[in-house]
């Protein structure tokens, strides 16, 4: 039976290194979490939220799924958003996708992929909503354009959740952002989709 001992060894070495640098780090971290950010990202193992923005444990509350999709019937995602907004009082929700996303690529293919096709139906909706923008594009250009369009749509979906709308009605300081990450160079790009109020959300909805 393999018990992945090397991962436990790595964990021990990491914890020891942290404690050498800051002996009180874990005792302080264990008292509470008070992140300012909720990160809704892709499950891709190459896009670790804390590391790419160089923030320590405890600074980012994270939800990840295939193709960073926000669905109004996904109680998992909605529960994370509610906890982050109502309990943790985060100030920012970041929807972050990445170029070359496997889920986005699969949604553009005509072949069947099994169970995941049901999830990717939401991305196929984005394709339908943005048919004009995608027309004439092929290959990587089309995939990357859809990666960006999907983020823009998911920002809109976050803004339209009952949790976020309620928070804005009650005067919460809360902004929703759409970012995209390049695995090839490690750089984040802001898609200029920031929404910070019910009025801005309504205007954002009218753009499509």
C-alpha atoms as a PDB file:
ATOM      1  CA  UNK A   1       0.000   0.000   0.000  1.00  0.00           C
ATOM      2  CA  UNK A   2       1.410   3.358  -1.048  1.00  0.00           C
ATOM      3  CA  UNK A   3       0.764   6.146   1.448  1.00  0.00           C
ATOM      4  CA  UNK A   4       2.489   9.062  -0.368  1.00  0.00           C
ATOM      5  CA  UNK A   5       5.081   9.449   2.372  1.00  0.00           C
ATOM      6  CA  UNK A   6       7.042  11.935   0.272  1.00  0.00           C
ATOM      7  CA  UNK A   7       4.157  14.412   0.486  1.00  0.00           C
ATOM      8  CA  UNK A   8       4.071  14.168   4.268  1.00  0.00           C
ATOM      9  CA  UNK A   9       7.832  14.692   4.324  1.00  0.00           C
ATOM     10  CA  UNK A  10       7.435  17.764   2.137  1.00  0.00           C
ATOM     11  CA  UNK A  11       4.678  19.063   4.400  1.00  0.00           C
ATOM     12  CA  UNK A  12       6.898  18.696   7.450  1.00  0.00           C
ATOM     13  CA  UNK A  13       9.774  20.493   5.740  1.00  0.00           C
ATOM     14  CA  UNK A  14       7.456  23.299   4.621  1.00  0.00           C
ATOM     15  CA  UNK A  15       5.950  23.766   8.093  1.00  0.00           C
ATOM     16  CA  UNK A  16       9.397  23.760   9.706  1.00  0.00           C
ATOM     17  CA  UNK A  17      10.631  26.380   7.228  1.00  0.00           C
ATOM     18  CA  UNK A  18       7.643  28.628   7.898  1.00  0.00           C
ATOM     19  CA  UNK A  19       8.132  28.352  11.658  1.00  0.00           C
ATOM     20  CA  UNK A  20      11.824  29.223  11.359  1.00  0.00           C
ATOM     21  CA  UNK A  21      10.872  32.401   9.489  1.00  0.00           C
ATOM     22  CA  UNK A  22       7.953  33.264  11.790  1.00  0.00           C
ATOM     23  CA  UNK A  23       7.555  31.175  14.965  1.00  0.00           C
ATOM     24  CA  UNK A  24       4.040  32.556  15.568  1.00  0.00           C
ATOM     25  CA  UNK A  25       2.746  32.101  12.015  1.00  0.00           C
ATOM     26  CA  UNK A  26       0.545  29.043  12.557  1.00  0.00           C
ATOM     27  CA  UNK A  27      -0.696  30.049  16.005  1.00  0.00           C
ATOM     28  CA  UNK A  28      -1.840  33.403  14.579  1.00  0.00           C
ATOM     29  CA  UNK A  29      -3.263  31.803  11.425  1.00  0.00           C
ATOM     30  CA  UNK A  30      -5.306  29.314  13.437  1.00  0.00           C
ATOM     31  CA  UNK A  31      -7.160  32.011  15.379  1.00  0.00           C
ATOM     32  CA  UNK A  32      -9.327  33.178  12.471  1.00  0.00           C
ATOM     33  CA  UNK A  33      -9.446  33.699   8.741  1.00  0.00           C
ATOM     34  CA  UNK A  34     -10.140  37.219   7.528  1.00  0.00           C
ATOM     35  CA  UNK A  35      -9.455  37.272   3.781  1.00  0.00           C
ATOM     36  CA  UNK A  36     -10.382  40.281   1.671  1.00  0.00           C
ATOM     37  CA  UNK A  37     -10.633  38.201  -1.482  1.00  0.00           C
ATOM     38  CA  UNK A  38     -12.768  35.371  -2.810  1.00  0.00           C
ATOM     39  CA  UNK A  39     -11.110  33.694  -5.790  1.00  0.00           C
ATOM     40  CA  UNK A  40     -13.318  31.741  -8.192  1.00  0.00           C
ATOM     41  CA  UNK A  41     -10.926  29.937 -10.480  1.00  0.00           C
ATOM     42  CA  UNK A  42     -10.328  26.925 -12.659  1.00  0.00           C
ATOM     43  CA  UNK A  43      -9.430  23.552 -11.153  1.00  0.00           C
ATOM     44  CA  UNK A  44      -6.300  23.430 -13.336  1.00  0.00           C
ATOM     45  CA  UNK A  45      -3.375  22.455 -11.102  1.00  0.00           C
ATOM     46  CA  UNK A  46      -1.133  25.058 -12.763  1.00  0.00           C
ATOM     47  CA  UNK A  47      -3.160  28.022 -11.480  1.00  0.00           C
ATOM     48  CA  UNK A  48      -2.692  28.198  -7.670  1.00  0.00           C
ATOM     49  CA  UNK A  49      -4.553  31.262  -6.409  1.00  0.00           C
ATOM     50  CA  UNK A  50      -2.319  32.300  -3.497  1.00  0.00           C
ATOM     51  CA  UNK A  51       0.956  31.779  -5.290  1.00  0.00           C
ATOM     52  CA  UNK A  52       0.299  33.742  -8.467  1.00  0.00           C
ATOM     53  CA  UNK A  53      -0.695  36.850  -6.500  1.00  0.00           C
ATOM     54  CA  UNK A  54       2.000  36.184  -3.889  1.00  0.00           C
ATOM     55  CA  UNK A  55      -0.308  36.163  -0.887  1.00  0.00           C
ATOM     56  CA  UNK A  56       0.108  33.971   2.220  1.00  0.00           C
ATOM     57  CA  UNK A  57      -2.315  31.334   3.523  1.00  0.00           C
ATOM     58  CA  UNK A  58      -5.385  32.993   4.998  1.00  0.00           C
ATOM     59  CA  UNK A  59      -5.445  35.905   2.541  1.00  0.00           C
ATOM     60  CA  UNK A  60      -7.586  34.315  -0.198  1.00  0.00           C
ATOM     61  CA  UNK A  61     -10.789  32.286   0.134  1.00  0.00           C
ATOM     62  CA  UNK A  62     -10.916  29.934  -2.857  1.00  0.00           C
ATOM     63  CA  UNK A  63     -13.490  28.099  -4.952  1.00  0.00           C
ATOM     64  CA  UNK A  64     -12.386  26.228  -8.071  1.00  0.00           C
ATOM     65  CA  UNK A  65     -14.146  24.182 -10.726  1.00  0.00           C
ATOM     66  CA  UNK A  66     -13.689  23.164 -14.349  1.00  0.00           C
ATOM     67  CA  UNK A  67     -13.562  26.342 -16.501  1.00  0.00           C
ATOM     68  CA  UNK A  68     -14.309  28.677 -13.540  1.00  0.00           C
ATOM     69  CA  UNK A  69     -18.067  28.602 -14.108  1.00  0.00           C
ATOM     70  CA  UNK A  70     -20.661  30.240 -11.828  1.00  0.00           C
ATOM     71  CA  UNK A  71     -24.051  28.546 -12.164  1.00  0.00           C
ATOM     72  CA  UNK A  72     -27.170  29.708 -10.339  1.00  0.00           C
ATOM     73  CA  UNK A  73     -28.118  26.125  -9.499  1.00  0.00           C
ATOM     74  CA  UNK A  74     -24.676  25.153  -8.166  1.00  0.00           C
ATOM     75  CA  UNK A  75     -25.222  25.162  -4.405  1.00  0.00           C
ATOM     76  CA  UNK A  76     -21.549  24.459  -3.801  1.00  0.00           C
ATOM     77  CA  UNK A  77     -20.409  27.653  -5.529  1.00  0.00           C
ATOM     78  CA  UNK A  78     -23.314  29.706  -4.184  1.00  0.00           C
ATOM     79  CA  UNK A  79     -22.610  28.538  -0.627  1.00  0.00           C
ATOM     80  CA  UNK A  80     -18.976  29.599  -0.977  1.00  0.00           C
ATOM     81  CA  UNK A  81     -20.049  33.018  -2.247  1.00  0.00           C
ATOM     82  CA  UNK A  82     -22.540  33.441   0.595  1.00  0.00           C
ATOM     83  CA  UNK A  83     -20.021  32.440   3.263  1.00  0.00           C
ATOM     84  CA  UNK A  84     -17.394  34.729   1.770  1.00  0.00           C
ATOM     85  CA  UNK A  85     -19.743  37.708   1.496  1.00  0.00           C
ATOM     86  CA  UNK A  86     -21.962  37.308   4.575  1.00  0.00           C
ATOM     87  CA  UNK A  87     -19.538  35.798   7.084  1.00  0.00           C
ATOM     88  CA  UNK A  88     -16.014  36.643   5.958  1.00  0.00           C
ATOM     89  CA  UNK A  89     -17.058  40.050   4.589  1.00  0.00           C
ATOM     90  CA  UNK A  90     -14.692  39.865   1.620  1.00  0.00           C
ATOM     91  CA  UNK A  91     -14.249  43.104  -0.301  1.00  0.00           C
ATOM     92  CA  UNK A  92     -13.430  41.551  -3.670  1.00  0.00           C
ATOM     93  CA  UNK A  93     -14.585  38.541  -5.673  1.00  0.00           C
ATOM     94  CA  UNK A  94     -12.197  37.636  -8.482  1.00  0.00           C
ATOM     95  CA  UNK A  95     -13.272  35.335 -11.303  1.00  0.00           C
ATOM     96  CA  UNK A  96      -9.975  34.174 -12.779  1.00  0.00           C
ATOM     97  CA  UNK A  97      -9.650  31.917 -15.792  1.00  0.00           C
ATOM     98  CA  UNK A  98      -6.590  31.092 -17.839  1.00  0.00           C
ATOM     99  CA  UNK A  99      -5.590  30.905 -21.468  1.00  0.00           C
ATOM    100  CA  UNK A 100      -5.491  27.421 -22.972  1.00  0.00           C
ATOM    101  CA  UNK A 101      -8.143  26.135 -20.542  1.00  0.00           C
ATOM    102  CA  UNK A 102      -8.886  22.450 -21.184  1.00  0.00           C
ATOM    103  CA  UNK A 103     -12.559  22.865 -20.303  1.00  0.00           C
ATOM    104  CA  UNK A 104     -12.904  25.711 -22.783  1.00  0.00           C
ATOM    105  CA  UNK A 105     -11.165  23.666 -25.484  1.00  0.00           C
ATOM    106  CA  UNK A 106     -13.457  20.700 -24.828  1.00  0.00           C
ATOM    107  CA  UNK A 107     -16.549  22.893 -25.105  1.00  0.00           C
ATOM    108  CA  UNK A 108     -15.479  23.880 -28.627  1.00  0.00           C
ATOM    109  CA  UNK A 109     -14.995  20.293 -29.773  1.00  0.00           C
ATOM    110  CA  UNK A 110     -17.693  18.291 -31.488  1.00  0.00           C
ATOM    111  CA  UNK A 111     -16.668  15.012 -29.822  1.00  0.00           C
ATOM    112  CA  UNK A 112     -18.317  13.666 -26.666  1.00  0.00           C
ATOM    113  CA  UNK A 113     -16.394  13.725 -23.387  1.00  0.00           C
ATOM    114  CA  UNK A 114     -18.805  11.954 -21.061  1.00  0.00           C
ATOM    115  CA  UNK A 115     -20.228  13.362 -17.849  1.00  0.00           C
ATOM    116  CA  UNK A 116     -18.298  16.616 -18.096  1.00  0.00           C
ATOM    117  CA  UNK A 117     -20.308  17.577 -21.188  1.00  0.00           C
ATOM    118  CA  UNK A 118     -23.205  18.357 -18.858  1.00  0.00           C
ATOM    119  CA  UNK A 119     -21.052  20.865 -16.971  1.00  0.00           C
ATOM    120  CA  UNK A 120     -19.594  22.329 -20.159  1.00  0.00           C
ATOM    121  CA  UNK A 121     -23.112  23.012 -21.372  1.00  0.00           C
ATOM    122  CA  UNK A 122     -22.748  26.307 -19.494  1.00  0.00           C
ATOM    123  CA  UNK A 123     -19.680  27.222 -21.554  1.00  0.00           C
ATOM    124  CA  UNK A 124     -21.525  26.236 -24.731  1.00  0.00           C
ATOM    125  CA  UNK A 125     -24.131  28.813 -23.726  1.00  0.00           C
ATOM    126  CA  UNK A 126     -21.356  31.403 -23.672  1.00  0.00           C
ATOM    127  CA  UNK A 127     -20.411  30.331 -27.203  1.00  0.00           C
ATOM    128  CA  UNK A 128     -24.016  30.831 -28.281  1.00  0.00           C
ATOM    129  CA  UNK A 129     -24.265  34.230 -26.575  1.00  0.00           C
ATOM    130  CA  UNK A 130     -21.085  35.412 -28.317  1.00  0.00           C
ATOM    131  CA  UNK A 131     -21.388  33.798 -31.739  1.00  0.00           C
ATOM    132  CA  UNK A 132     -20.612  37.065 -33.545  1.00  0.00           C
ATOM    133  CA  UNK A 133     -17.422  37.708 -31.561  1.00  0.00           C
ATOM    134  CA  UNK A 134     -16.172  34.157 -32.197  1.00  0.00           C
ATOM    135  CA  UNK A 135     -17.092  34.002 -35.872  1.00  0.00           C
ATOM    136  CA  UNK A 136     -14.060  33.625 -38.123  1.00  0.00           C
ATOM    137  CA  UNK A 137     -11.685  32.673 -35.312  1.00  0.00           C
ATOM    138  CA  UNK A 138      -9.911  29.314 -35.320  1.00  0.00           C
ATOM    139  CA  UNK A 139      -7.588  27.274 -33.133  1.00  0.00           C
ATOM    140  CA  UNK A 140      -5.780  28.969 -30.272  1.00  0.00           C
ATOM    141  CA  UNK A 141      -7.198  32.393 -31.122  1.00  0.00           C
ATOM    142  CA  UNK A 142     -10.736  31.082 -30.772  1.00  0.00           C
ATOM    143  CA  UNK A 143      -9.974  29.186 -27.567  1.00  0.00           C
ATOM    144  CA  UNK A 144      -8.360  32.199 -25.928  1.00  0.00           C
ATOM    145  CA  UNK A 145     -11.139  34.530 -27.034  1.00  0.00           C
ATOM    146  CA  UNK A 146     -13.674  32.158 -25.496  1.00  0.00           C
ATOM    147  CA  UNK A 147     -11.592  31.979 -22.291  1.00  0.00           C
ATOM    148  CA  UNK A 148     -11.986  35.752 -21.950  1.00  0.00           C
ATOM    149  CA  UNK A 149     -15.674  35.803 -22.952  1.00  0.00           C
ATOM    150  CA  UNK A 150     -16.401  33.055 -20.435  1.00  0.00           C
ATOM    151  CA  UNK A 151     -14.843  35.084 -17.624  1.00  0.00           C
ATOM    152  CA  UNK A 152     -16.872  38.139 -18.586  1.00  0.00           C
ATOM    153  CA  UNK A 153     -20.057  36.039 -18.510  1.00  0.00           C
ATOM    154  CA  UNK A 154     -19.185  34.496 -15.137  1.00  0.00           C
ATOM    155  CA  UNK A 155     -18.577  37.957 -13.656  1.00  0.00           C
ATOM    156  CA  UNK A 156     -22.078  38.817 -14.817  1.00  0.00           C
ATOM    157  CA  UNK A 157     -23.398  35.630 -13.194  1.00  0.00           C
ATOM    158  CA  UNK A 158     -21.722  36.463  -9.866  1.00  0.00           C
ATOM    159  CA  UNK A 159     -23.250  39.950  -9.959  1.00  0.00           C
ATOM    160  CA  UNK A 160     -26.697  38.449 -10.531  1.00  0.00           C
ATOM    161  CA  UNK A 161     -26.586  36.090  -7.557  1.00  0.00           C
ATOM    162  CA  UNK A 162     -29.048  36.841  -4.780  1.00  0.00           C
ATOM    163  CA  UNK A 163     -26.160  36.970  -2.298  1.00  0.00           C
ATOM    164  CA  UNK A 164     -24.230  39.689  -4.092  1.00  0.00           C
ATOM    165  CA  UNK A 165     -27.314  41.753  -4.948  1.00  0.00           C
ATOM    166  CA  UNK A 166     -28.439  41.624  -1.304  1.00  0.00           C
ATOM    167  CA  UNK A 167     -24.990  42.720  -0.136  1.00  0.00           C
ATOM    168  CA  UNK A 168     -25.030  45.720  -2.448  1.00  0.00           C
ATOM    169  CA  UNK A 169     -28.554  46.665  -1.381  1.00  0.00           C
ATOM    170  CA  UNK A 170     -27.330  46.671   2.221  1.00  0.00           C
ATOM    171  CA  UNK A 171     -24.414  48.947   1.350  1.00  0.00           C
ATOM    172  CA  UNK A 172     -21.589  46.398   1.395  1.00  0.00           C
ATOM    173  CA  UNK A 173     -18.242  47.416  -0.071  1.00  0.00           C
ATOM    174  CA  UNK A 174     -17.902  44.646  -2.634  1.00  0.00           C
ATOM    175  CA  UNK A 175     -16.357  44.569  -6.116  1.00  0.00           C
ATOM    176  CA  UNK A 176     -16.460  41.759  -8.681  1.00  0.00           C
ATOM    177  CA  UNK A 177     -13.480  41.433 -11.027  1.00  0.00           C
ATOM    178  CA  UNK A 178     -12.665  39.398 -14.133  1.00  0.00           C
ATOM    179  CA  UNK A 179      -9.044  38.364 -14.647  1.00  0.00           C
ATOM    180  CA  UNK A 180      -7.218  35.937 -16.895  1.00  0.00           C
ATOM    181  CA  UNK A 181      -3.885  34.219 -16.295  1.00  0.00           C
ATOM    182  CA  UNK A 182      -1.245  33.134 -18.783  1.00  0.00           C
ATOM    183  CA  UNK A 183       0.419  29.889 -17.804  1.00  0.00           C
ATOM    184  CA  UNK A 184       3.095  30.574 -20.431  1.00  0.00           C
ATOM    185  CA  UNK A 185       4.477  33.689 -18.715  1.00  0.00           C
ATOM    186  CA  UNK A 186       2.827  33.749 -15.267  1.00  0.00           C
ATOM    187  CA  UNK A 187       1.173  37.123 -15.829  1.00  0.00           C
ATOM    188  CA  UNK A 188      -2.364  38.136 -14.880  1.00  0.00           C
ATOM    189  CA  UNK A 189      -4.480  40.380 -17.117  1.00  0.00           C
ATOM    190  CA  UNK A 190      -7.403  42.489 -15.908  1.00  0.00           C
ATOM    191  CA  UNK A 191     -10.305  42.232 -18.366  1.00  0.00           C
ATOM    192  CA  UNK A 192     -11.718  45.576 -17.151  1.00  0.00           C
ATOM    193  CA  UNK A 193     -14.995  44.066 -16.018  1.00  0.00           C
ATOM    194  CA  UNK A 194     -15.051  45.351 -12.437  1.00  0.00           C
ATOM    195  CA  UNK A 195     -18.563  45.844 -11.036  1.00  0.00           C
ATOM    196  CA  UNK A 196     -19.132  47.433  -7.620  1.00  0.00           C
ATOM    197  CA  UNK A 197     -22.845  48.236  -7.349  1.00  0.00           C
ATOM    198  CA  UNK A 198     -26.351  47.263  -8.434  1.00  0.00           C
ATOM    199  CA  UNK A 199     -26.333  50.159 -10.908  1.00  0.00           C
ATOM    200  CA  UNK A 200     -23.087  49.007 -12.520  1.00  0.00           C
ATOM    201  CA  UNK A 201     -24.400  45.424 -12.615  1.00  0.00           C
ATOM    202  CA  UNK A 202     -27.561  46.571 -14.404  1.00  0.00           C
ATOM    203  CA  UNK A 203     -25.464  48.474 -16.941  1.00  0.00           C
ATOM    204  CA  UNK A 204     -23.235  45.410 -17.406  1.00  0.00           C
ATOM    205  CA  UNK A 205     -26.323  43.257 -18.100  1.00  0.00           C
ATOM    206  CA  UNK A 206     -27.471  45.685 -20.797  1.00  0.00           C
ATOM    207  CA  UNK A 207     -24.236  45.279 -22.734  1.00  0.00           C
ATOM    208  CA  UNK A 208     -25.389  41.889 -24.081  1.00  0.00           C
END
